[in-house]
Amino acid sequence: MSEPEGIFHTFTLSEVLRISKGRKRLASGSQGIDSLLGGGYPEGEITEVFGESNTGKTQLAMQATVRAAAEGWRSVYIDTESKFRPERVRRMAEAVGLDGGDVLERVFCVEARNVREQMRAISKIGENPKVREAKLLVVDTLTKTSLSSSRGGRQQGRGRRCSPSTWARSLGTRS
């Protein structure tokens, strides 16, 4: 049985290296982080940021949307814990000399409280002409909803098993 066209691609490691060298990188705003990432967040790849609570992951994610807007990119920010604050993004933009209003026009926020809602939001992105061309997708916080779901919480979709890394890899198959 063959795979449906466009869903599964096989590449040699040489091809992967050639493709990745040609991709743009989005600067994070931190020299240290950019150094760790080889120049910034790689376009077309998943970058997972994790750490203890209150260590700046959400701030880093919001900063990425500001950096993306500065490059002319659109972003989709999937907020799972009601932490996204447009006024904070505006202040971050203005702090680096950008028009906060223009930046906010390039960032689309979707609230998704559980894995099912997150997956639905991802699948709908391609259907919405306003956000279809987004180059940055932020899911804040992936771990909490996927772990809640795997524990069988009633509202999170009882019986679904999904680790954060498995869920993140599935994003690559969405259009």
Protein backbone atom coordinates (compact mmCIF):
# COMPACT_ATOMS: atom_id res chain seq x y z
CA MET A 1 0.00 0.00 0.00
CA SER A 2 1.53 3.32 -1.03
CA GLU A 3 1.46 6.51 1.00
CA PRO A 4 -0.80 9.33 -0.24
CA GLU A 5 1.19 11.85 -2.24
CA GLY A 6 2.37 14.88 -0.27
CA ILE A 7 2.15 13.22 3.15
CA PHE A 8 5.37 11.27 3.38
CA HIS A 9 8.71 12.31 1.91
CA THR A 10 11.98 10.41 2.02
CA PHE A 11 15.26 12.32 1.89
CA THR A 12 18.87 11.27 2.11
CA LEU A 13 20.89 12.94 4.85
CA SER A 14 22.82 14.78 2.16
CA GLU A 15 19.55 16.22 0.83
CA VAL A 16 18.42 17.20 4.33
CA LEU A 17 21.70 19.04 4.93
CA ARG A 18 21.44 20.88 1.60
CA ILE A 19 17.82 21.88 2.31
CA SER A 20 18.54 23.04 5.86
CA LYS A 21 21.50 25.20 4.75
CA GLY A 22 19.22 27.13 2.41
CA ARG A 23 16.64 27.97 5.07
CA LYS A 24 16.37 31.34 6.73
CA ARG A 25 16.73 31.75 10.47
CA LEU A 26 14.70 34.02 12.68
CA ALA A 27 16.81 35.79 15.29
CA SER A 28 15.48 35.31 18.82
CA GLY A 29 16.77 38.61 20.15
CA SER A 30 19.25 36.83 22.40
CA GLN A 31 22.82 36.24 21.23
CA GLY A 32 23.12 33.24 23.54
CA ILE A 33 19.99 31.55 22.23
CA ASP A 34 20.85 32.37 18.63
CA SER A 35 24.28 30.84 19.16
CA LEU A 36 22.73 27.63 20.51
CA LEU A 37 20.35 27.50 17.53
CA GLY A 38 23.03 28.17 14.93
CA GLY A 39 21.83 31.68 14.16
CA GLY A 40 18.21 31.69 15.32
CA TYR A 41 15.03 29.67 14.94
CA PRO A 42 15.32 27.62 11.73
CA GLU A 43 12.56 28.21 9.20
CA GLY A 44 10.47 25.12 8.51
CA GLU A 45 11.58 23.26 11.61
CA ILE A 46 10.15 22.68 15.06
CA THR A 47 12.02 24.26 17.94
CA GLU A 48 10.90 23.10 21.36
CA VAL A 49 11.56 25.38 24.31
CA PHE A 50 11.04 23.80 27.69
CA GLY A 51 11.85 24.51 31.30
CA GLU A 52 10.48 25.07 34.76
CA SER A 53 7.45 27.25 35.32
CA ASN A 54 8.13 31.00 35.31
CA THR A 55 11.46 30.82 33.49
CA GLY A 56 10.49 33.02 30.52
CA LYS A 57 9.20 30.54 27.92
CA THR A 58 6.09 32.61 27.21
CA GLN A 59 8.15 35.81 27.00
CA LEU A 60 10.49 34.10 24.55
CA ALA A 61 7.51 32.95 22.46
CA MET A 62 6.02 36.46 22.39
CA GLN A 63 9.43 37.87 21.48
CA ALA A 64 9.55 35.44 18.55
CA THR A 65 6.28 36.88 17.22
CA VAL A 66 7.76 40.38 17.44
CA ARG A 67 10.91 39.27 15.61
CA ALA A 68 8.81 37.50 12.98
CA ALA A 69 6.72 40.65 12.42
CA ALA A 70 9.93 42.69 12.04
CA GLU A 71 10.85 40.34 9.17
CA GLY A 72 7.41 40.82 7.61
CA TRP A 73 6.18 37.40 8.68
CA ARG A 74 2.78 36.55 10.05
CA SER A 75 2.51 34.42 13.19
CA VAL A 76 -0.11 32.21 14.77
CA TYR A 77 0.04 32.00 18.56
CA ILE A 78 -1.95 29.12 20.02
CA ASP A 79 -2.59 30.03 23.64
CA THR A 80 -3.54 27.17 25.96
CA GLU A 81 -3.39 28.96 29.30
CA SER A 82 -4.64 32.50 28.58
CA LYS A 83 -1.12 33.87 28.95
CA PHE A 84 -0.95 35.74 25.63
CA ARG A 85 -1.09 39.48 26.24
CA PRO A 86 -1.31 41.72 23.15
CA GLU A 87 -0.34 44.75 25.25
CA ARG A 88 2.90 42.97 26.24
CA VAL A 89 3.68 42.19 22.59
CA ARG A 90 3.01 45.85 21.70
CA ARG A 91 5.43 47.03 24.42
CA MET A 92 8.08 44.53 23.28
CA ALA A 93 7.75 45.79 19.71
CA GLU A 94 7.97 49.43 20.70
CA ALA A 95 11.02 48.71 22.87
CA VAL A 96 12.94 47.68 19.74
CA GLY A 97 11.66 50.59 17.63
CA LEU A 98 8.79 48.86 15.85
CA ASP A 99 5.23 50.10 15.50
CA GLY A 100 3.31 48.05 18.07
CA GLY A 101 0.06 48.28 16.12
CA ASP A 102 1.70 46.98 12.94
CA VAL A 103 3.20 44.06 14.84
CA LEU A 104 -0.17 43.14 16.36
CA GLU A 105 -1.70 43.10 12.86
CA ARG A 106 0.74 40.30 11.95
CA VAL A 107 0.04 38.08 14.97
CA PHE A 108 -3.06 35.90 15.15
CA CYS A 109 -4.03 34.39 18.49
CA VAL A 110 -6.08 31.22 18.88
CA GLU A 111 -7.25 29.95 22.25
CA ALA A 112 -7.12 26.16 22.52
CA ARG A 113 -7.59 24.62 25.93
CA ASN A 114 -6.87 20.97 25.15
CA VAL A 115 -5.13 18.74 22.62
CA ARG A 116 -8.25 18.30 20.50
CA GLU A 117 -8.71 22.07 20.20
CA GLN A 118 -5.01 22.52 19.40
CA MET A 119 -5.11 19.92 16.64
CA ARG A 120 -8.28 21.47 15.23
CA ALA A 121 -6.70 24.92 15.28
CA ILE A 122 -3.64 23.62 13.42
CA SER A 123 -5.78 21.92 10.79
CA LYS A 124 -7.86 25.08 10.25
CA ILE A 125 -4.87 27.37 9.70
CA GLY A 126 -4.60 26.35 6.05
CA GLU A 127 -8.27 27.14 5.50
CA ASN A 128 -8.06 30.73 6.72
CA PRO A 129 -6.70 33.11 4.07
CA LYS A 130 -5.59 35.61 6.74
CA VAL A 131 -3.29 33.16 8.50
CA ARG A 132 -2.46 30.64 5.76
CA GLU A 133 0.82 32.38 4.97
CA ALA A 134 2.03 32.48 8.59
CA LYS A 135 5.67 31.49 8.90
CA LEU A 136 5.76 31.16 12.68
CA LEU A 137 3.55 28.91 14.75
CA VAL A 138 3.78 29.12 18.53
CA VAL A 139 2.00 26.67 20.82
CA ASP A 140 2.15 27.92 24.40
CA THR A 141 2.04 25.58 26.34
CA LEU A 142 2.20 22.24 24.56
CA THR A 143 3.25 20.11 27.52
CA LYS A 144 0.46 20.95 29.93
CA THR A 145 -2.42 20.12 27.59
CA SER A 146 -0.82 16.98 26.16
CA LEU A 147 0.04 15.65 29.61
CA SER A 148 -3.44 16.46 30.91
CA SER A 149 -4.87 14.66 27.91
CA SER A 150 -2.71 11.58 28.38
CA ARG A 151 -3.88 11.35 31.99
CA GLY A 152 -7.42 10.96 30.71
CA GLY A 153 -8.93 14.21 31.90
CA ARG A 154 -12.59 14.31 30.93
CA GLN A 155 -12.40 17.62 29.09
CA GLN A 156 -9.09 16.79 27.42
CA GLY A 157 -10.34 13.79 25.50
CA ARG A 158 -10.37 10.69 27.69
CA GLY A 159 -8.23 7.87 26.40
CA ARG A 160 -6.04 9.93 24.06
CA ARG A 161 -2.33 9.29 24.54
CA CYS A 162 0.00 11.95 23.25
CA SER A 163 3.48 12.95 24.32
CA PRO A 164 4.57 16.52 23.57
CA SER A 165 7.22 15.40 21.09
CA THR A 166 4.78 13.12 19.23
CA TRP A 167 2.27 15.94 19.00
CA ALA A 168 4.91 18.42 17.83
CA ARG A 169 6.10 16.05 15.11
CA SER A 170 2.53 15.73 13.87
CA LEU A 171 2.51 19.49 13.16
CA GLY A 172 4.84 18.87 10.23
CA THR A 173 2.13 16.89 8.45
CA ARG A 174 -0.46 19.67 8.70
CA SER A 175 -1.04 22.07 5.85
